[in-house]
């Protein structure tokens, strides 16, 4: 199976993808470099939301809300350790009529 990029870039416009990437990176740099960008505005509200959160969500929407496919080794270990036995079942007739009469 060939290795795939976490997002399928064939379905998106590369210019728009590059613009979203630059806007997100610019927002992150502004929030890290300028203390005022970590605050809030009376008109806009929380500035990190508008500088980082909104470009990230629009970039994610550009890729049609796909999540990156990262395989962790812990999940593969759990899958290999599972037993392949069938689940235990109750025997028919294990309950007697006498037990049901006592409950009533």
C-alpha atoms as a PDB file:
ATOM      1  CA  UNK A   1       0.000   0.000   0.000  1.00  0.00           C
ATOM      2  CA  UNK A   2       1.560   3.348  -0.987  1.00  0.00           C
ATOM      3  CA  UNK A   3       2.150   5.953   1.693  1.00  0.00           C
ATOM      4  CA  UNK A   4      -0.398   8.740   1.498  1.00  0.00           C
ATOM      5  CA  UNK A   5      -0.254  12.319   2.629  1.00  0.00           C
ATOM      6  CA  UNK A   6      -2.517  12.960   5.654  1.00  0.00           C
ATOM      7  CA  UNK A   7      -4.723  15.195   3.488  1.00  0.00           C
ATOM      8  CA  UNK A   8      -5.544  14.424  -0.114  1.00  0.00           C
ATOM      9  CA  UNK A   9      -4.246  17.496  -1.956  1.00  0.00           C
ATOM     10  CA  UNK A  10      -5.652  16.446  -5.331  1.00  0.00           C
ATOM     11  CA  UNK A  11      -9.143  17.665  -4.375  1.00  0.00           C
ATOM     12  CA  UNK A  12      -8.110  21.155  -3.240  1.00  0.00           C
ATOM     13  CA  UNK A  13      -6.863  24.224  -5.040  1.00  0.00           C
ATOM     14  CA  UNK A  14      -3.138  24.533  -4.255  1.00  0.00           C
ATOM     15  CA  UNK A  15      -3.284  28.355  -4.209  1.00  0.00           C
ATOM     16  CA  UNK A  16      -6.079  28.354  -1.658  1.00  0.00           C
ATOM     17  CA  UNK A  17      -4.308  25.685   0.372  1.00  0.00           C
ATOM     18  CA  UNK A  18      -1.126  27.780   0.395  1.00  0.00           C
ATOM     19  CA  UNK A  19      -3.082  30.899   1.432  1.00  0.00           C
ATOM     20  CA  UNK A  20      -4.772  29.063   4.323  1.00  0.00           C
ATOM     21  CA  UNK A  21      -1.423  27.685   5.438  1.00  0.00           C
ATOM     22  CA  UNK A  22       0.143  31.159   5.377  1.00  0.00           C
ATOM     23  CA  UNK A  23      -2.770  32.736   7.258  1.00  0.00           C
ATOM     24  CA  UNK A  24      -2.567  30.074   9.961  1.00  0.00           C
ATOM     25  CA  UNK A  25       1.205  30.433  10.283  1.00  0.00           C
ATOM     26  CA  UNK A  26       0.928  34.233  10.412  1.00  0.00           C
ATOM     27  CA  UNK A  27      -1.716  34.009  13.138  1.00  0.00           C
ATOM     28  CA  UNK A  28       0.408  31.627  15.204  1.00  0.00           C
ATOM     29  CA  UNK A  29       3.439  33.888  14.871  1.00  0.00           C
ATOM     30  CA  UNK A  30       1.404  36.963  15.842  1.00  0.00           C
ATOM     31  CA  UNK A  31       0.000  35.272  18.933  1.00  0.00           C
ATOM     32  CA  UNK A  32       3.447  34.051  19.964  1.00  0.00           C
ATOM     33  CA  UNK A  33       5.271  37.325  19.257  1.00  0.00           C
ATOM     34  CA  UNK A  34       2.795  40.020  20.316  1.00  0.00           C
ATOM     35  CA  UNK A  35       1.246  39.991  23.784  1.00  0.00           C
ATOM     36  CA  UNK A  36      -1.653  42.153  22.596  1.00  0.00           C
ATOM     37  CA  UNK A  37      -2.633  39.409  20.098  1.00  0.00           C
ATOM     38  CA  UNK A  38      -3.254  37.058  23.041  1.00  0.00           C
ATOM     39  CA  UNK A  39      -5.917  39.320  24.508  1.00  0.00           C
ATOM     40  CA  UNK A  40      -9.386  40.224  23.405  1.00  0.00           C
ATOM     41  CA  UNK A  41     -11.068  43.043  21.577  1.00  0.00           C
ATOM     42  CA  UNK A  42     -14.365  44.738  22.315  1.00  0.00           C
ATOM     43  CA  UNK A  43     -15.458  44.397  18.697  1.00  0.00           C
ATOM     44  CA  UNK A  44     -13.954  41.026  17.768  1.00  0.00           C
ATOM     45  CA  UNK A  45     -13.771  39.092  21.024  1.00  0.00           C
ATOM     46  CA  UNK A  46     -10.912  36.663  21.632  1.00  0.00           C
ATOM     47  CA  UNK A  47      -8.108  37.476  19.190  1.00  0.00           C
ATOM     48  CA  UNK A  48      -6.424  34.023  19.240  1.00  0.00           C
ATOM     49  CA  UNK A  49      -9.720  32.603  18.013  1.00  0.00           C
ATOM     50  CA  UNK A  50      -9.648  34.883  14.974  1.00  0.00           C
ATOM     51  CA  UNK A  51      -5.898  34.624  14.403  1.00  0.00           C
ATOM     52  CA  UNK A  52      -5.473  30.853  14.840  1.00  0.00           C
ATOM     53  CA  UNK A  53      -8.807  29.080  15.315  1.00  0.00           C
ATOM     54  CA  UNK A  54     -10.750  30.429  12.354  1.00  0.00           C
ATOM     55  CA  UNK A  55      -7.956  29.984   9.769  1.00  0.00           C
ATOM     56  CA  UNK A  56      -7.388  26.449  11.068  1.00  0.00           C
ATOM     57  CA  UNK A  57     -11.076  25.577  10.825  1.00  0.00           C
ATOM     58  CA  UNK A  58     -11.348  27.010   7.305  1.00  0.00           C
ATOM     59  CA  UNK A  59      -8.210  25.121   6.259  1.00  0.00           C
ATOM     60  CA  UNK A  60      -9.770  21.964   7.683  1.00  0.00           C
ATOM     61  CA  UNK A  61     -13.005  22.694   5.808  1.00  0.00           C
ATOM     62  CA  UNK A  62     -10.983  23.165   2.632  1.00  0.00           C
ATOM     63  CA  UNK A  63      -9.902  19.548   2.991  1.00  0.00           C
ATOM     64  CA  UNK A  64     -13.537  18.495   3.509  1.00  0.00           C
ATOM     65  CA  UNK A  65     -13.179  17.839   7.233  1.00  0.00           C
ATOM     66  CA  UNK A  66     -10.857  14.879   6.783  1.00  0.00           C
ATOM     67  CA  UNK A  67      -8.751  13.857   9.714  1.00  0.00           C
ATOM     68  CA  UNK A  68      -5.127  12.909   9.185  1.00  0.00           C
ATOM     69  CA  UNK A  69      -4.505   9.168   9.294  1.00  0.00           C
ATOM     70  CA  UNK A  70      -1.735   8.557  11.754  1.00  0.00           C
ATOM     71  CA  UNK A  71      -1.160   5.010  12.909  1.00  0.00           C
ATOM     72  CA  UNK A  72       0.076   4.683  16.445  1.00  0.00           C
ATOM     73  CA  UNK A  73       1.989   1.561  17.472  1.00  0.00           C
ATOM     74  CA  UNK A  74      -0.149   1.189  20.623  1.00  0.00           C
ATOM     75  CA  UNK A  75      -3.313   0.560  18.581  1.00  0.00           C
ATOM     76  CA  UNK A  76      -1.592  -2.115  16.513  1.00  0.00           C
ATOM     77  CA  UNK A  77      -0.344  -3.866  19.671  1.00  0.00           C
ATOM     78  CA  UNK A  78      -3.856  -3.917  21.120  1.00  0.00           C
ATOM     79  CA  UNK A  79      -5.240  -5.376  17.898  1.00  0.00           C
ATOM     80  CA  UNK A  80      -2.716  -8.201  17.911  1.00  0.00           C
ATOM     81  CA  UNK A  81      -3.327  -9.094  21.559  1.00  0.00           C
ATOM     82  CA  UNK A  82      -7.075  -9.578  21.235  1.00  0.00           C
ATOM     83  CA  UNK A  83      -8.310 -13.126  21.412  1.00  0.00           C
ATOM     84  CA  UNK A  84     -10.398 -14.474  18.601  1.00  0.00           C
ATOM     85  CA  UNK A  85     -12.591 -16.696  20.760  1.00  0.00           C
ATOM     86  CA  UNK A  86     -16.350 -16.450  20.591  1.00  0.00           C
ATOM     87  CA  UNK A  87     -18.183 -14.813  23.428  1.00  0.00           C
ATOM     88  CA  UNK A  88     -19.536 -17.110  26.147  1.00  0.00           C
ATOM     89  CA  UNK A  89     -23.264 -17.758  25.960  1.00  0.00           C
ATOM     90  CA  UNK A  90     -25.761 -18.733  28.618  1.00  0.00           C
ATOM     91  CA  UNK A  91     -27.108 -22.199  28.568  1.00  0.00           C
ATOM     92  CA  UNK A  92     -30.775 -22.505  27.770  1.00  0.00           C
ATOM     93  CA  UNK A  93     -32.661 -23.861  30.763  1.00  0.00           C
ATOM     94  CA  UNK A  94     -30.150 -22.655  33.361  1.00  0.00           C
ATOM     95  CA  UNK A  95     -32.980 -20.859  35.125  1.00  0.00           C
ATOM     96  CA  UNK A  96     -35.665 -22.979  36.591  1.00  0.00           C
ATOM     97  CA  UNK A  97     -39.348 -22.262  37.011  1.00  0.00           C
ATOM     98  CA  UNK A  98     -38.865 -22.347  40.788  1.00  0.00           C
ATOM     99  CA  UNK A  99     -36.570 -19.272  40.739  1.00  0.00           C
ATOM    100  CA  UNK A 100     -39.125 -17.252  38.797  1.00  0.00           C
ATOM    101  CA  UNK A 101     -41.915 -18.179  41.244  1.00  0.00           C
ATOM    102  CA  UNK A 102     -39.868 -16.979  44.250  1.00  0.00           C
ATOM    103  CA  UNK A 103     -39.283 -13.572  42.671  1.00  0.00           C
ATOM    104  CA  UNK A 104     -43.011 -12.962  42.318  1.00  0.00           C
END
